[in-house]
Amino acid sequence: MKMKAVRVFAPEDMRVVEIDKPEIDAEKNVLIKMKAAGICGSDRGILHGTNAAATYPRIIGHEIVGVVEKVGEGVTRVKPGDRVIIDQVTSCGHCYACRKGRPNVCFNLKVKGVHIDGGYREWMTCNENDCYILPDSLEYKDAVMIEPTTIAVQSCSRAQLEEIDDLLIIGAGALGTSLIRIAKLYKPHKLIVSDIDNEKLANALKLGATDVINSREEDLETAVKKLTDGYGPTVTIDAACVKGSLLSAIKVTGPAGRVITMGFSVNPEEVNNFLITSKELDIRGSRLQNRKFQQVIDLINEGKVDLKGSVSHTFPITEAVEAFRFADSGDPSISKIALTFD
C-alpha cells in the first residue's frame, strides 16, 4: 500500500511523493496514523538549506501527533485508538551525554525529521517508548504545540529559572510565546519580552509578560536596565536567534546572569569576551528537550498551560509546498501552521 509523504530532496526542493506504507517490527513496534504536524522554523531551515544538522533527502516533521492503529506483541504503553504525540529524540544510551542524563545532546543523536525520516507522512512507525497520550482537551492540530512547549520547558530548566530572577525573552514569535507560557509558572520577579512587532508584544502581555520592549523603537539595553533598577536581567533567553541577538543578550544581562541561546545558525556571530568574563556570565545552549513530554502533558491536564487555539492556519498534507510558501511570507496573522492528514 502507498501513502503520501513530504520529502525535501535538497535545499529548495520539496515535493509531495508516494512511498510505501511502513510495517511494524520488533523495534518500531507501534503504527500510527498521522493526524497533524506542525511547521517549525527548523523545518523551514531544512527546506532552505540553513539547518546545519539536517541530512538529505529527508521526510521532515517533528511536531507530530496521530492515533495508534496497530501495536506489536508485548506493547503495553499504548493500544489501538490511543491519541498520541511522538518524541522526536533518538539517543544511543551509552555515550557521555546519555550517561549524564542528557540524551537530547547524545553524541549519536538522531532526530526524527532531521537525521532520520519524520512525520510528514500519512503513517509512521516508532517505538512504544516514543509515544505519549494526548490530553483529551486538545484537538490534534493544537496538540502539535506540545512539542514546542517541551522546548520551552527545557530552556527554562537550562536557565535554572527562579522567583528571584528578572527574565528577558528576546523574540515574541512561536518560540517566545511558548517560553512565556512556561516561564510565568516559575513566577520570576520580572518577565520582560522584547520584539519589533507591537501586535506580538500585546499578545505577550496577555500571556503573562510583566513588561514589553519594542527594540525597534527603544534601545534594548537602556529600556531593560530601567526595568531592572540598572542591574539588567539575571536570565536572558534568545528566542529570536537572529544576527546580533546573542551579543545583545550578553550586553544586557547583569553580573552572575545566565544567557540561553537556542539558535542553529552556522554564520559567524560577534561575541565580547570582556562582557562575558567581567560579569562571569554563563552562556548555555538549549537543544530540543530532555524527556519533557509528560511534564507538559501533566501541566495541560492540570490546567496550568492552555494550548487551545494556538494554531492559526492549517493546510492538508497535499498542499505542504503552499503551506511553507505561506509560512515564509511573514504574514502577521501567522502564529502557527499545521499540516493535517484527514
C-alpha atoms as a PDB file:
ATOM      1  CA  MET A   1       0.000   0.000   0.000  1.00  0.00           C
ATOM      2  CA  LYS A   2       1.205   3.501  -0.875  1.00  0.00           C
ATOM      3  CA  MET A   3       0.936   6.685   1.173  1.00  0.00           C
ATOM      4  CA  LYS A   4       1.681  10.368   0.690  1.00  0.00           C
ATOM      5  CA  ALA A   5       4.741  11.973   2.283  1.00  0.00           C
ATOM      6  CA  VAL A   6       6.571  15.289   2.109  1.00  0.00           C
ATOM      7  CA  ARG A   7      10.237  14.877   1.246  1.00  0.00           C
ATOM      8  CA  VAL A   8      12.932  17.522   0.960  1.00  0.00           C
ATOM      9  CA  PHE A   9      15.341  16.116  -1.629  1.00  0.00           C
ATOM     10  CA  ALA A  10      17.803  19.010  -1.366  1.00  0.00           C
ATOM     11  CA  PRO A  11      17.635  22.654  -0.306  1.00  0.00           C
ATOM     12  CA  GLU A  12      14.713  24.383  -2.056  1.00  0.00           C
ATOM     13  CA  ASP A  13      13.452  21.061  -3.459  1.00  0.00           C
ATOM     14  CA  MET A  14      10.374  19.892  -1.544  1.00  0.00           C
ATOM     15  CA  ARG A  15       7.834  17.530  -3.091  1.00  0.00           C
ATOM     16  CA  VAL A  16       4.777  15.559  -2.056  1.00  0.00           C
ATOM     17  CA  VAL A  17       5.600  11.973  -3.028  1.00  0.00           C
ATOM     18  CA  GLU A  18       4.144   8.490  -2.749  1.00  0.00           C
ATOM     19  CA  ILE A  19       6.040   5.894  -0.714  1.00  0.00           C
ATOM     20  CA  ASP A  20       5.272   2.500   0.796  1.00  0.00           C
ATOM     21  CA  LYS A  21       3.226   2.390   3.989  1.00  0.00           C
ATOM     22  CA  PRO A  22       5.515   1.157   6.809  1.00  0.00           C
ATOM     23  CA  GLU A  23       5.108  -2.051   8.767  1.00  0.00           C
ATOM     24  CA  ILE A  24       5.844  -2.523  12.462  1.00  0.00           C
ATOM     25  CA  ASP A  25       8.784  -4.647  13.596  1.00  0.00           C
ATOM     26  CA  ALA A  26      10.441  -5.581  16.901  1.00  0.00           C
ATOM     27  CA  GLU A  27      11.973  -2.115  17.390  1.00  0.00           C
ATOM     28  CA  LYS A  28       9.409   0.143  15.720  1.00  0.00           C
ATOM     29  CA  ASN A  29       6.507  -1.663  17.294  1.00  0.00           C
ATOM     30  CA  VAL A  30       3.727   0.931  17.010  1.00  0.00           C
ATOM     31  CA  LEU A  31       1.987   2.008  13.783  1.00  0.00           C
ATOM     32  CA  ILE A  32       0.467   5.487  13.911  1.00  0.00           C
ATOM     33  CA  LYS A  33      -1.990   7.124  11.534  1.00  0.00           C
ATOM     34  CA  MET A  34      -0.821  10.721  11.454  1.00  0.00           C
ATOM     35  CA  LYS A  35      -3.386  13.424  12.185  1.00  0.00           C
ATOM     36  CA  ALA A  36      -1.443  16.704  12.343  1.00  0.00           C
ATOM     37  CA  ALA A  37       2.107  18.012  12.150  1.00  0.00           C
ATOM     38  CA  GLY A  38       3.392  21.485  12.920  1.00  0.00           C
ATOM     39  CA  ILE A  39       5.620  23.598  10.711  1.00  0.00           C
ATOM     40  CA  CYS A  40       8.619  24.719  12.761  1.00  0.00           C
ATOM     41  CA  GLY A  41      11.352  27.207  11.939  1.00  0.00           C
ATOM     42  CA  SER A  42      13.812  24.313  11.831  1.00  0.00           C
ATOM     43  CA  ASP A  43      11.655  22.597   9.171  1.00  0.00           C
ATOM     44  CA  ARG A  44      11.840  25.758   7.092  1.00  0.00           C
ATOM     45  CA  GLY A  45      15.590  25.779   7.697  1.00  0.00           C
ATOM     46  CA  ILE A  46      15.857  22.274   6.248  1.00  0.00           C
ATOM     47  CA  LEU A  47      13.919  23.370   3.176  1.00  0.00           C
ATOM     48  CA  HIS A  48      16.101  26.438   2.682  1.00  0.00           C
ATOM     49  CA  GLY A  49      19.400  24.744   3.471  1.00  0.00           C
ATOM     50  CA  THR A  50      20.126  26.736   6.654  1.00  0.00           C
ATOM     51  CA  ASN A  51      19.701  23.915   9.187  1.00  0.00           C
ATOM     52  CA  ALA A  52      23.226  22.664   9.811  1.00  0.00           C
ATOM     53  CA  ALA A  53      22.018  19.436  11.446  1.00  0.00           C
ATOM     54  CA  ALA A  54      19.866  18.159   8.572  1.00  0.00           C
ATOM     55  CA  THR A  55      20.732  15.428   6.097  1.00  0.00           C
ATOM     56  CA  TYR A  56      19.107  14.936   2.681  1.00  0.00           C
ATOM     57  CA  PRO A  57      16.902  13.575   1.245  1.00  0.00           C
ATOM     58  CA  ARG A  58      14.594  13.723   4.255  1.00  0.00           C
ATOM     59  CA  ILE A  59      10.939  13.316   5.148  1.00  0.00           C
ATOM     60  CA  ILE A  60      10.688  16.207   7.578  1.00  0.00           C
ATOM     61  CA  GLY A  61       8.354  16.923  10.504  1.00  0.00           C
ATOM     62  CA  HIS A  62       8.986  16.537  14.238  1.00  0.00           C
ATOM     63  CA  GLU A  63       5.921  18.193  15.837  1.00  0.00           C
ATOM     64  CA  ILE A  64       3.802  15.150  15.132  1.00  0.00           C
ATOM     65  CA  VAL A  65       0.569  13.694  16.516  1.00  0.00           C
ATOM     66  CA  GLY A  66      -1.710  10.866  15.473  1.00  0.00           C
ATOM     67  CA  VAL A  67      -3.744   7.855  16.533  1.00  0.00           C
ATOM     68  CA  VAL A  68      -2.350   4.390  17.210  1.00  0.00           C
ATOM     69  CA  GLU A  69      -3.551   1.990  14.521  1.00  0.00           C
ATOM     70  CA  LYS A  70      -1.613  -1.168  15.376  1.00  0.00           C
ATOM     71  CA  VAL A  71       0.827  -2.398  18.021  1.00  0.00           C
ATOM     72  CA  GLY A  72       3.300  -5.257  18.121  1.00  0.00           C
ATOM     73  CA  GLU A  73       3.466  -8.161  20.501  1.00  0.00           C
ATOM     74  CA  GLY A  74       4.251  -7.198  24.086  1.00  0.00           C
ATOM     75  CA  VAL A  75       3.471  -3.470  23.715  1.00  0.00           C
ATOM     76  CA  THR A  76       1.980  -2.137  26.951  1.00  0.00           C
ATOM     77  CA  ARG A  77       2.471   1.622  26.784  1.00  0.00           C
ATOM     78  CA  VAL A  78      -0.235   2.288  24.164  1.00  0.00           C
ATOM     79  CA  LYS A  79      -3.104   0.485  22.445  1.00  0.00           C
ATOM     80  CA  PRO A  80      -5.018   0.924  19.165  1.00  0.00           C
ATOM     81  CA  GLY A  81      -7.192   4.030  19.294  1.00  0.00           C
ATOM     82  CA  ASP A  82      -4.906   5.996  21.628  1.00  0.00           C
ATOM     83  CA  ARG A  83      -4.244   9.597  20.592  1.00  0.00           C
ATOM     84  CA  VAL A  84      -0.518  10.227  20.872  1.00  0.00           C
ATOM     85  CA  ILE A  85       2.327  12.653  20.334  1.00  0.00           C
ATOM     86  CA  ILE A  86       5.688  11.235  19.287  1.00  0.00           C
ATOM     87  CA  ASP A  87       9.032  12.072  20.894  1.00  0.00           C
ATOM     88  CA  GLN A  88      11.460  13.196  18.199  1.00  0.00           C
ATOM     89  CA  VAL A  89      14.717  12.294  20.015  1.00  0.00           C
ATOM     90  CA  THR A  90      16.556   9.018  19.384  1.00  0.00           C
ATOM     91  CA  SER A  91      19.667   8.529  21.536  1.00  0.00           C
ATOM     92  CA  CYS A  92      22.270   5.777  21.952  1.00  0.00           C
ATOM     93  CA  GLY A  93      22.077   5.459  25.747  1.00  0.00           C
ATOM     94  CA  HIS A  94      25.800   4.885  26.329  1.00  0.00           C
ATOM     95  CA  CYS A  95      27.788   7.998  25.304  1.00  0.00           C
ATOM     96  CA  TYR A  96      28.946  10.613  27.848  1.00  0.00           C
ATOM     97  CA  ALA A  97      25.885  12.845  27.325  1.00  0.00           C
ATOM     98  CA  CYS A  98      23.490   9.928  27.742  1.00  0.00           C
ATOM     99  CA  ARG A  99      25.284   8.715  30.849  1.00  0.00           C
ATOM    100  CA  LYS A 100      24.990  12.244  32.238  1.00  0.00           C
ATOM    101  CA  GLY A 101      21.220  12.134  31.704  1.00  0.00           C
ATOM    102  CA  ARG A 102      21.224  14.424  28.667  1.00  0.00           C
ATOM    103  CA  PRO A 103      20.125  12.234  25.733  1.00  0.00           C
ATOM    104  CA  ASN A 104      18.886  15.325  23.847  1.00  0.00           C
ATOM    105  CA  VAL A 105      22.541  16.061  23.016  1.00  0.00           C
ATOM    106  CA  CYS A 106      23.603  12.441  22.543  1.00  0.00           C
ATOM    107  CA  PHE A 107      26.863  12.089  20.592  1.00  0.00           C
ATOM    108  CA  ASN A 108      24.976   9.733  18.258  1.00  0.00           C
ATOM    109  CA  LEU A 109      21.774  11.798  18.276  1.00  0.00           C
ATOM    110  CA  LYS A 110      19.168  11.148  15.613  1.00  0.00           C
ATOM    111  CA  VAL A 111      16.156  13.448  15.430  1.00  0.00           C
ATOM    112  CA  LYS A 112      13.028  12.440  13.562  1.00  0.00           C
ATOM    113  CA  GLY A 113      12.565  14.763  10.619  1.00  0.00           C
ATOM    114  CA  VAL A 114      16.198  15.929  10.707  1.00  0.00           C
ATOM    115  CA  HIS A 115      18.619  12.972  10.682  1.00  0.00           C
ATOM    116  CA  ILE A 116      16.024  10.219  10.141  1.00  0.00           C
ATOM    117  CA  ASP A 117      12.617  10.398   8.487  1.00  0.00           C
ATOM    118  CA  GLY A 118       9.933  12.278  10.404  1.00  0.00           C
ATOM    119  CA  GLY A 119       6.195  12.659  10.474  1.00  0.00           C
ATOM    120  CA  TYR A 120       5.128  14.466   7.313  1.00  0.00           C
ATOM    121  CA  ARG A 121       3.594  11.235   6.035  1.00  0.00           C
ATOM    122  CA  GLU A 122       0.252   9.525   6.403  1.00  0.00           C
ATOM    123  CA  TRP A 123       1.559   6.665   8.581  1.00  0.00           C
ATOM    124  CA  MET A 124       4.730   6.172  10.551  1.00  0.00           C
ATOM    125  CA  THR A 125       6.145   3.593  12.936  1.00  0.00           C
ATOM    126  CA  CYS A 126       8.023   4.227  16.160  1.00  0.00           C
ATOM    127  CA  ASN A 127       8.928   2.535  19.413  1.00  0.00           C
ATOM    128  CA  GLU A 128       6.245   2.489  22.088  1.00  0.00           C
ATOM    129  CA  ASN A 129       8.544   4.466  24.407  1.00  0.00           C
ATOM    130  CA  ASP A 130       8.346   7.409  21.993  1.00  0.00           C
ATOM    131  CA  CYS A 131       4.552   7.680  22.444  1.00  0.00           C
ATOM    132  CA  TYR A 132       2.768   9.926  24.934  1.00  0.00           C
ATOM    133  CA  ILE A 133      -1.008  10.029  25.406  1.00  0.00           C
ATOM    134  CA  LEU A 134      -2.558  13.344  24.383  1.00  0.00           C
ATOM    135  CA  PRO A 135      -4.785  15.316  26.757  1.00  0.00           C
ATOM    136  CA  ASP A 136      -8.461  14.748  25.927  1.00  0.00           C
ATOM    137  CA  SER A 137      -8.987  18.509  25.917  1.00  0.00           C
ATOM    138  CA  LEU A 138      -6.771  19.138  22.885  1.00  0.00           C
ATOM    139  CA  GLU A 139      -7.643  18.830  19.217  1.00  0.00           C
ATOM    140  CA  TYR A 140      -4.967  17.195  17.093  1.00  0.00           C
ATOM    141  CA  LYS A 141      -3.981  20.461  15.412  1.00  0.00           C
ATOM    142  CA  ASP A 142      -3.408  22.253  18.724  1.00  0.00           C
ATOM    143  CA  ALA A 143      -1.629  19.222  20.181  1.00  0.00           C
ATOM    144  CA  VAL A 144       1.312  19.834  17.808  1.00  0.00           C
ATOM    145  CA  MET A 145       2.168  22.733  20.160  1.00  0.00           C
ATOM    146  CA  ILE A 146       3.095  20.301  22.932  1.00  0.00           C
ATOM    147  CA  GLU A 147       6.482  19.732  21.293  1.00  0.00           C
ATOM    148  CA  PRO A 148       7.447  23.455  21.128  1.00  0.00           C
ATOM    149  CA  THR A 149       6.300  23.730  24.735  1.00  0.00           C
ATOM    150  CA  THR A 150       8.726  20.959  25.715  1.00  0.00           C
ATOM    151  CA  ILE A 151      11.451  23.083  24.092  1.00  0.00           C
ATOM    152  CA  ALA A 152      10.434  25.964  26.369  1.00  0.00           C
ATOM    153  CA  VAL A 153      10.479  23.723  29.449  1.00  0.00           C
ATOM    154  CA  GLN A 154      13.971  22.559  28.513  1.00  0.00           C
ATOM    155  CA  SER A 155      15.158  26.152  28.065  1.00  0.00           C
ATOM    156  CA  CYS A 156      13.807  27.278  31.448  1.00  0.00           C
ATOM    157  CA  SER A 157      15.384  24.204  33.025  1.00  0.00           C
ATOM    158  CA  ARG A 158      18.762  25.067  31.471  1.00  0.00           C
ATOM    159  CA  ALA A 159      18.332  28.631  32.767  1.00  0.00           C
ATOM    160  CA  GLN A 160      17.673  27.384  36.316  1.00  0.00           C
ATOM    161  CA  LEU A 161      14.916  29.991  36.458  1.00  0.00           C
ATOM    162  CA  GLU A 162      13.839  31.093  39.953  1.00  0.00           C
ATOM    163  CA  GLU A 163      11.429  33.587  41.542  1.00  0.00           C
ATOM    164  CA  ILE A 164      14.352  35.891  42.315  1.00  0.00           C
ATOM    165  CA  ASP A 165      15.189  36.275  38.614  1.00  0.00           C
ATOM    166  CA  ASP A 166      14.435  39.113  36.254  1.00  0.00           C
ATOM    167  CA  LEU A 167      13.927  37.310  32.947  1.00  0.00           C
ATOM    168  CA  LEU A 168      14.261  38.803  29.465  1.00  0.00           C
ATOM    169  CA  ILE A 169      12.943  36.851  26.477  1.00  0.00           C
ATOM    170  CA  ILE A 170      14.195  38.222  23.157  1.00  0.00           C
ATOM    171  CA  GLY A 171      11.600  37.446  20.487  1.00  0.00           C
ATOM    172  CA  ALA A 172       7.829  37.015  20.800  1.00  0.00           C
ATOM    173  CA  GLY A 173       7.204  34.614  17.928  1.00  0.00           C
ATOM    174  CA  ALA A 174       6.082  30.991  18.268  1.00  0.00           C
ATOM    175  CA  LEU A 175       9.091  30.038  20.406  1.00  0.00           C
ATOM    176  CA  GLY A 176       8.874  33.187  22.506  1.00  0.00           C
ATOM    177  CA  THR A 177       5.187  32.683  23.276  1.00  0.00           C
ATOM    178  CA  SER A 178       5.852  29.084  24.339  1.00  0.00           C
ATOM    179  CA  LEU A 179       8.573  30.371  26.634  1.00  0.00           C
ATOM    180  CA  ILE A 180       6.226  32.932  28.208  1.00  0.00           C
ATOM    181  CA  ARG A 181       3.642  30.235  28.955  1.00  0.00           C
ATOM    182  CA  ILE A 182       6.220  28.161  30.807  1.00  0.00           C
ATOM    183  CA  ALA A 183       8.376  30.905  32.340  1.00  0.00           C
ATOM    184  CA  LYS A 184       5.451  32.515  34.129  1.00  0.00           C
ATOM    185  CA  LEU A 185       4.906  29.264  36.050  1.00  0.00           C
ATOM    186  CA  TYR A 186       8.271  29.896  37.742  1.00  0.00           C
ATOM    187  CA  LYS A 187       6.922  33.288  38.944  1.00  0.00           C
ATOM    188  CA  PRO A 188      10.061  35.303  38.129  1.00  0.00           C
ATOM    189  CA  HIS A 189      10.277  38.776  39.671  1.00  0.00           C
ATOM    190  CA  LYS A 190      10.064  40.286  36.155  1.00  0.00           C
ATOM    191  CA  LEU A 191       9.142  38.654  32.857  1.00  0.00           C
ATOM    192  CA  ILE A 192      10.228  41.084  30.159  1.00  0.00           C
ATOM    193  CA  VAL A 193       9.713  40.418  26.444  1.00  0.00           C
ATOM    194  CA  SER A 194      11.303  42.300  23.554  1.00  0.00           C
ATOM    195  CA  ASP A 195      10.325  42.216  19.899  1.00  0.00           C
ATOM    196  CA  ILE A 196       9.929  44.607  16.963  1.00  0.00           C
ATOM    197  CA  ASP A 197       6.209  43.874  16.410  1.00  0.00           C
ATOM    198  CA  ASN A 198       3.708  45.667  18.645  1.00  0.00           C
ATOM    199  CA  GLU A 199       0.980  43.111  17.983  1.00  0.00           C
ATOM    200  CA  LYS A 200       3.220  40.301  19.205  1.00  0.00           C
ATOM    201  CA  LEU A 201       4.166  42.365  22.250  1.00  0.00           C
ATOM    202  CA  ALA A 202       0.499  42.970  23.066  1.00  0.00           C
ATOM    203  CA  ASN A 203      -0.039  39.211  22.910  1.00  0.00           C
ATOM    204  CA  ALA A 204       2.978  38.702  25.193  1.00  0.00           C
ATOM    205  CA  LEU A 205       1.310  40.869  27.835  1.00  0.00           C
ATOM    206  CA  LYS A 206      -1.889  38.842  27.530  1.00  0.00           C
ATOM    207  CA  LEU A 207       0.105  35.631  28.036  1.00  0.00           C
ATOM    208  CA  GLY A 208       1.745  36.875  31.221  1.00  0.00           C
ATOM    209  CA  ALA A 209       4.689  39.190  30.451  1.00  0.00           C
ATOM    210  CA  THR A 210       5.106  41.902  33.082  1.00  0.00           C
ATOM    211  CA  ASP A 211       6.770  44.339  30.664  1.00  0.00           C
ATOM    212  CA  VAL A 212       7.446  44.600  26.930  1.00  0.00           C
ATOM    213  CA  ILE A 213      10.007  46.493  24.862  1.00  0.00           C
ATOM    214  CA  ASN A 214       9.816  47.317  21.161  1.00  0.00           C
ATOM    215  CA  SER A 215      13.526  47.131  20.354  1.00  0.00           C
ATOM    216  CA  ARG A 216      12.955  48.894  17.033  1.00  0.00           C
ATOM    217  CA  GLU A 217      11.570  51.941  18.835  1.00  0.00           C
ATOM    218  CA  GLU A 218      13.706  51.833  22.011  1.00  0.00           C
ATOM    219  CA  ASP A 219      17.300  50.967  22.819  1.00  0.00           C
ATOM    220  CA  LEU A 220      17.030  47.489  24.347  1.00  0.00           C
ATOM    221  CA  GLU A 221      19.858  47.883  26.854  1.00  0.00           C
ATOM    222  CA  THR A 222      18.600  51.237  28.148  1.00  0.00           C
ATOM    223  CA  ALA A 223      14.994  50.049  28.391  1.00  0.00           C
ATOM    224  CA  VAL A 224      15.716  46.746  30.112  1.00  0.00           C
ATOM    225  CA  LYS A 225      18.093  48.298  32.634  1.00  0.00           C
ATOM    226  CA  LYS A 226      15.442  50.846  33.512  1.00  0.00           C
ATOM    227  CA  LEU A 227      13.061  47.979  34.269  1.00  0.00           C
ATOM    228  CA  THR A 228      15.630  46.173  36.423  1.00  0.00           C
ATOM    229  CA  ASP A 229      16.911  49.092  38.514  1.00  0.00           C
ATOM    230  CA  GLY A 230      20.026  49.332  36.373  1.00  0.00           C
ATOM    231  CA  TYR A 231      21.215  45.761  37.000  1.00  0.00           C
ATOM    232  CA  GLY A 232      19.994  44.069  33.846  1.00  0.00           C
ATOM    233  CA  PRO A 233      18.130  40.767  33.632  1.00  0.00           C
ATOM    234  CA  THR A 234      19.595  37.859  35.551  1.00  0.00           C
ATOM    235  CA  VAL A 235      18.409  35.466  32.838  1.00  0.00           C
ATOM    236  CA  THR A 236      18.144  36.260  29.130  1.00  0.00           C
ATOM    237  CA  ILE A 237      16.743  33.724  26.672  1.00  0.00           C
ATOM    238  CA  ASP A 238      17.368  34.414  22.991  1.00  0.00           C
ATOM    239  CA  ALA A 239      14.245  33.163  21.227  1.00  0.00           C
ATOM    240  CA  ALA A 240      14.823  35.358  18.172  1.00  0.00           C
ATOM    241  CA  CYS A 241      18.170  33.845  17.174  1.00  0.00           C
ATOM    242  CA  VAL A 242      18.844  36.494  14.524  1.00  0.00           C
ATOM    243  CA  LYS A 243      22.106  38.202  13.721  1.00  0.00           C
ATOM    244  CA  GLY A 244      23.168  40.309  16.683  1.00  0.00           C
ATOM    245  CA  SER A 245      20.659  38.927  19.175  1.00  0.00           C
ATOM    246  CA  LEU A 246      23.226  36.832  21.059  1.00  0.00           C
ATOM    247  CA  LEU A 247      25.528  39.822  21.524  1.00  0.00           C
ATOM    248  CA  SER A 248      22.540  41.894  22.665  1.00  0.00           C
ATOM    249  CA  ALA A 249      21.727  39.226  25.252  1.00  0.00           C
ATOM    250  CA  ILE A 250      25.321  39.245  26.521  1.00  0.00           C
ATOM    251  CA  LYS A 251      25.353  43.049  26.720  1.00  0.00           C
ATOM    252  CA  VAL A 252      22.137  43.466  28.689  1.00  0.00           C
ATOM    253  CA  THR A 253      22.444  40.558  31.140  1.00  0.00           C
ATOM    254  CA  GLY A 254      23.567  41.511  34.637  1.00  0.00           C
ATOM    255  CA  PRO A 255      26.507  40.101  36.621  1.00  0.00           C
ATOM    256  CA  ALA A 256      26.287  36.399  37.502  1.00  0.00           C
ATOM    257  CA  GLY A 257      23.465  36.011  34.999  1.00  0.00           C
ATOM    258  CA  ARG A 258      22.680  33.238  32.542  1.00  0.00           C
ATOM    259  CA  VAL A 259      22.285  33.634  28.781  1.00  0.00           C
ATOM    260  CA  ILE A 260      20.423  30.871  26.944  1.00  0.00           C
ATOM    261  CA  THR A 261      20.903  30.568  23.197  1.00  0.00           C
ATOM    262  CA  MET A 262      18.635  28.385  21.068  1.00  0.00           C
ATOM    263  CA  GLY A 263      19.795  29.328  17.579  1.00  0.00           C
ATOM    264  CA  PHE A 264      21.107  26.945  14.917  1.00  0.00           C
ATOM    265  CA  SER A 265      22.778  29.341  12.509  1.00  0.00           C
ATOM    266  CA  VAL A 266      26.330  28.470  11.474  1.00  0.00           C
ATOM    267  CA  ASN A 267      27.072  32.028  10.347  1.00  0.00           C
ATOM    268  CA  PRO A 268      29.772  33.852  12.340  1.00  0.00           C
ATOM    269  CA  GLU A 269      28.366  35.794  15.281  1.00  0.00           C
ATOM    270  CA  GLU A 270      30.077  38.529  17.283  1.00  0.00           C
ATOM    271  CA  VAL A 271      30.630  37.968  20.998  1.00  0.00           C
ATOM    272  CA  ASN A 272      32.537  40.007  23.560  1.00  0.00           C
ATOM    273  CA  ASN A 273      34.961  38.281  25.914  1.00  0.00           C
ATOM    274  CA  PHE A 274      35.120  41.201  28.314  1.00  0.00           C
ATOM    275  CA  LEU A 275      31.349  41.257  28.825  1.00  0.00           C
ATOM    276  CA  ILE A 276      31.250  37.528  29.496  1.00  0.00           C
ATOM    277  CA  THR A 277      34.296  37.386  31.777  1.00  0.00           C
ATOM    278  CA  SER A 278      33.803  40.640  33.681  1.00  0.00           C
ATOM    279  CA  LYS A 279      30.219  39.704  34.578  1.00  0.00           C
ATOM    280  CA  GLU A 280      31.058  35.994  34.902  1.00  0.00           C
ATOM    281  CA  LEU A 281      28.103  35.112  32.687  1.00  0.00           C
ATOM    282  CA  ASP A 282      27.032  31.549  31.942  1.00  0.00           C
ATOM    283  CA  ILE A 283      26.360  31.130  28.214  1.00  0.00           C
ATOM    284  CA  ARG A 284      24.310  27.964  27.775  1.00  0.00           C
ATOM    285  CA  GLY A 285      22.835  26.240  24.775  1.00  0.00           C
ATOM    286  CA  SER A 286      19.397  24.644  24.953  1.00  0.00           C
ATOM    287  CA  ARG A 287      18.564  21.989  22.391  1.00  0.00           C
ATOM    288  CA  LEU A 288      15.392  20.007  21.813  1.00  0.00           C
ATOM    289  CA  GLN A 289      14.029  18.566  25.059  1.00  0.00           C
ATOM    290  CA  ASN A 290      15.138  16.064  27.659  1.00  0.00           C
ATOM    291  CA  ARG A 291      12.168  13.754  28.369  1.00  0.00           C
ATOM    292  CA  LYS A 292       9.841  16.710  28.882  1.00  0.00           C
ATOM    293  CA  PHE A 293       6.690  15.478  27.075  1.00  0.00           C
ATOM    294  CA  GLN A 294       4.935  14.019  30.098  1.00  0.00           C
ATOM    295  CA  GLN A 295       5.732  17.114  32.140  1.00  0.00           C
ATOM    296  CA  VAL A 296       4.000  19.334  29.577  1.00  0.00           C
ATOM    297  CA  ILE A 297       1.032  16.968  29.230  1.00  0.00           C
ATOM    298  CA  ASP A 298       0.639  16.989  33.020  1.00  0.00           C
ATOM    299  CA  LEU A 299       0.672  20.811  33.036  1.00  0.00           C
ATOM    300  CA  ILE A 300      -2.094  20.833  30.399  1.00  0.00           C
ATOM    301  CA  ASN A 301      -4.185  18.284  32.295  1.00  0.00           C
ATOM    302  CA  GLU A 302      -3.743  20.334  35.486  1.00  0.00           C
ATOM    303  CA  GLY A 303      -4.964  23.486  33.711  1.00  0.00           C
ATOM    304  CA  LYS A 304      -1.622  25.279  34.125  1.00  0.00           C
ATOM    305  CA  VAL A 305      -0.890  25.505  30.376  1.00  0.00           C
ATOM    306  CA  ASP A 306      -3.526  26.212  27.733  1.00  0.00           C
ATOM    307  CA  LEU A 307      -2.642  25.412  24.104  1.00  0.00           C
ATOM    308  CA  LYS A 308      -6.167  25.680  22.697  1.00  0.00           C
ATOM    309  CA  GLY A 309      -6.366  27.929  19.660  1.00  0.00           C
ATOM    310  CA  SER A 310      -2.577  28.090  19.282  1.00  0.00           C
ATOM    311  CA  VAL A 311      -2.648  27.116  15.589  1.00  0.00           C
ATOM    312  CA  SER A 312      -3.697  29.953  13.301  1.00  0.00           C
ATOM    313  CA  HIS A 313      -3.685  28.135   9.944  1.00  0.00           C
ATOM    314  CA  THR A 314      -3.987  24.577   8.649  1.00  0.00           C
ATOM    315  CA  PHE A 315      -3.196  23.059   5.254  1.00  0.00           C
ATOM    316  CA  PRO A 316      -3.763  19.485   4.045  1.00  0.00           C
ATOM    317  CA  ILE A 317      -0.604  17.454   3.628  1.00  0.00           C
ATOM    318  CA  THR A 318      -1.077  17.575  -0.157  1.00  0.00           C
ATOM    319  CA  GLU A 319      -0.592  21.379   0.000  1.00  0.00           C
ATOM    320  CA  ALA A 320       2.620  21.306   2.039  1.00  0.00           C
ATOM    321  CA  VAL A 321       4.566  23.314  -0.547  1.00  0.00           C
ATOM    322  CA  GLU A 322       1.942  26.056  -0.439  1.00  0.00           C
ATOM    323  CA  ALA A 323       1.928  25.935   3.366  1.00  0.00           C
ATOM    324  CA  PHE A 324       5.681  26.523   3.528  1.00  0.00           C
ATOM    325  CA  ARG A 325       5.417  29.316   0.993  1.00  0.00           C
ATOM    326  CA  PHE A 326       2.801  30.959   3.218  1.00  0.00           C
ATOM    327  CA  ALA A 327       4.989  30.397   6.309  1.00  0.00           C
ATOM    328  CA  ASP A 328       7.811  32.240   4.538  1.00  0.00           C
ATOM    329  CA  SER A 329       5.542  35.156   3.608  1.00  0.00           C
ATOM    330  CA  GLY A 330       5.796  36.798   7.008  1.00  0.00           C
ATOM    331  CA  ASP A 331       2.027  37.309   7.116  1.00  0.00           C
ATOM    332  CA  PRO A 332       1.329  38.891  10.545  1.00  0.00           C
ATOM    333  CA  SER A 333      -1.732  36.657  11.029  1.00  0.00           C
ATOM    334  CA  ILE A 334       0.522  33.582  11.355  1.00  0.00           C
ATOM    335  CA  SER A 335       1.117  32.252  14.836  1.00  0.00           C
ATOM    336  CA  LYS A 336       1.430  28.549  13.991  1.00  0.00           C
ATOM    337  CA  ILE A 337       0.750  26.499  10.872  1.00  0.00           C
ATOM    338  CA  ALA A 338      -0.151  22.815  10.995  1.00  0.00           C
ATOM    339  CA  LEU A 339      -0.480  20.218   8.259  1.00  0.00           C
ATOM    340  CA  THR A 340      -3.463  17.875   8.522  1.00  0.00           C
ATOM    341  CA  PHE A 341      -3.912  14.329   7.218  1.00  0.00           C
ATOM    342  CA  ASP A 342      -7.687  13.743   7.027  1.00  0.00           C
END
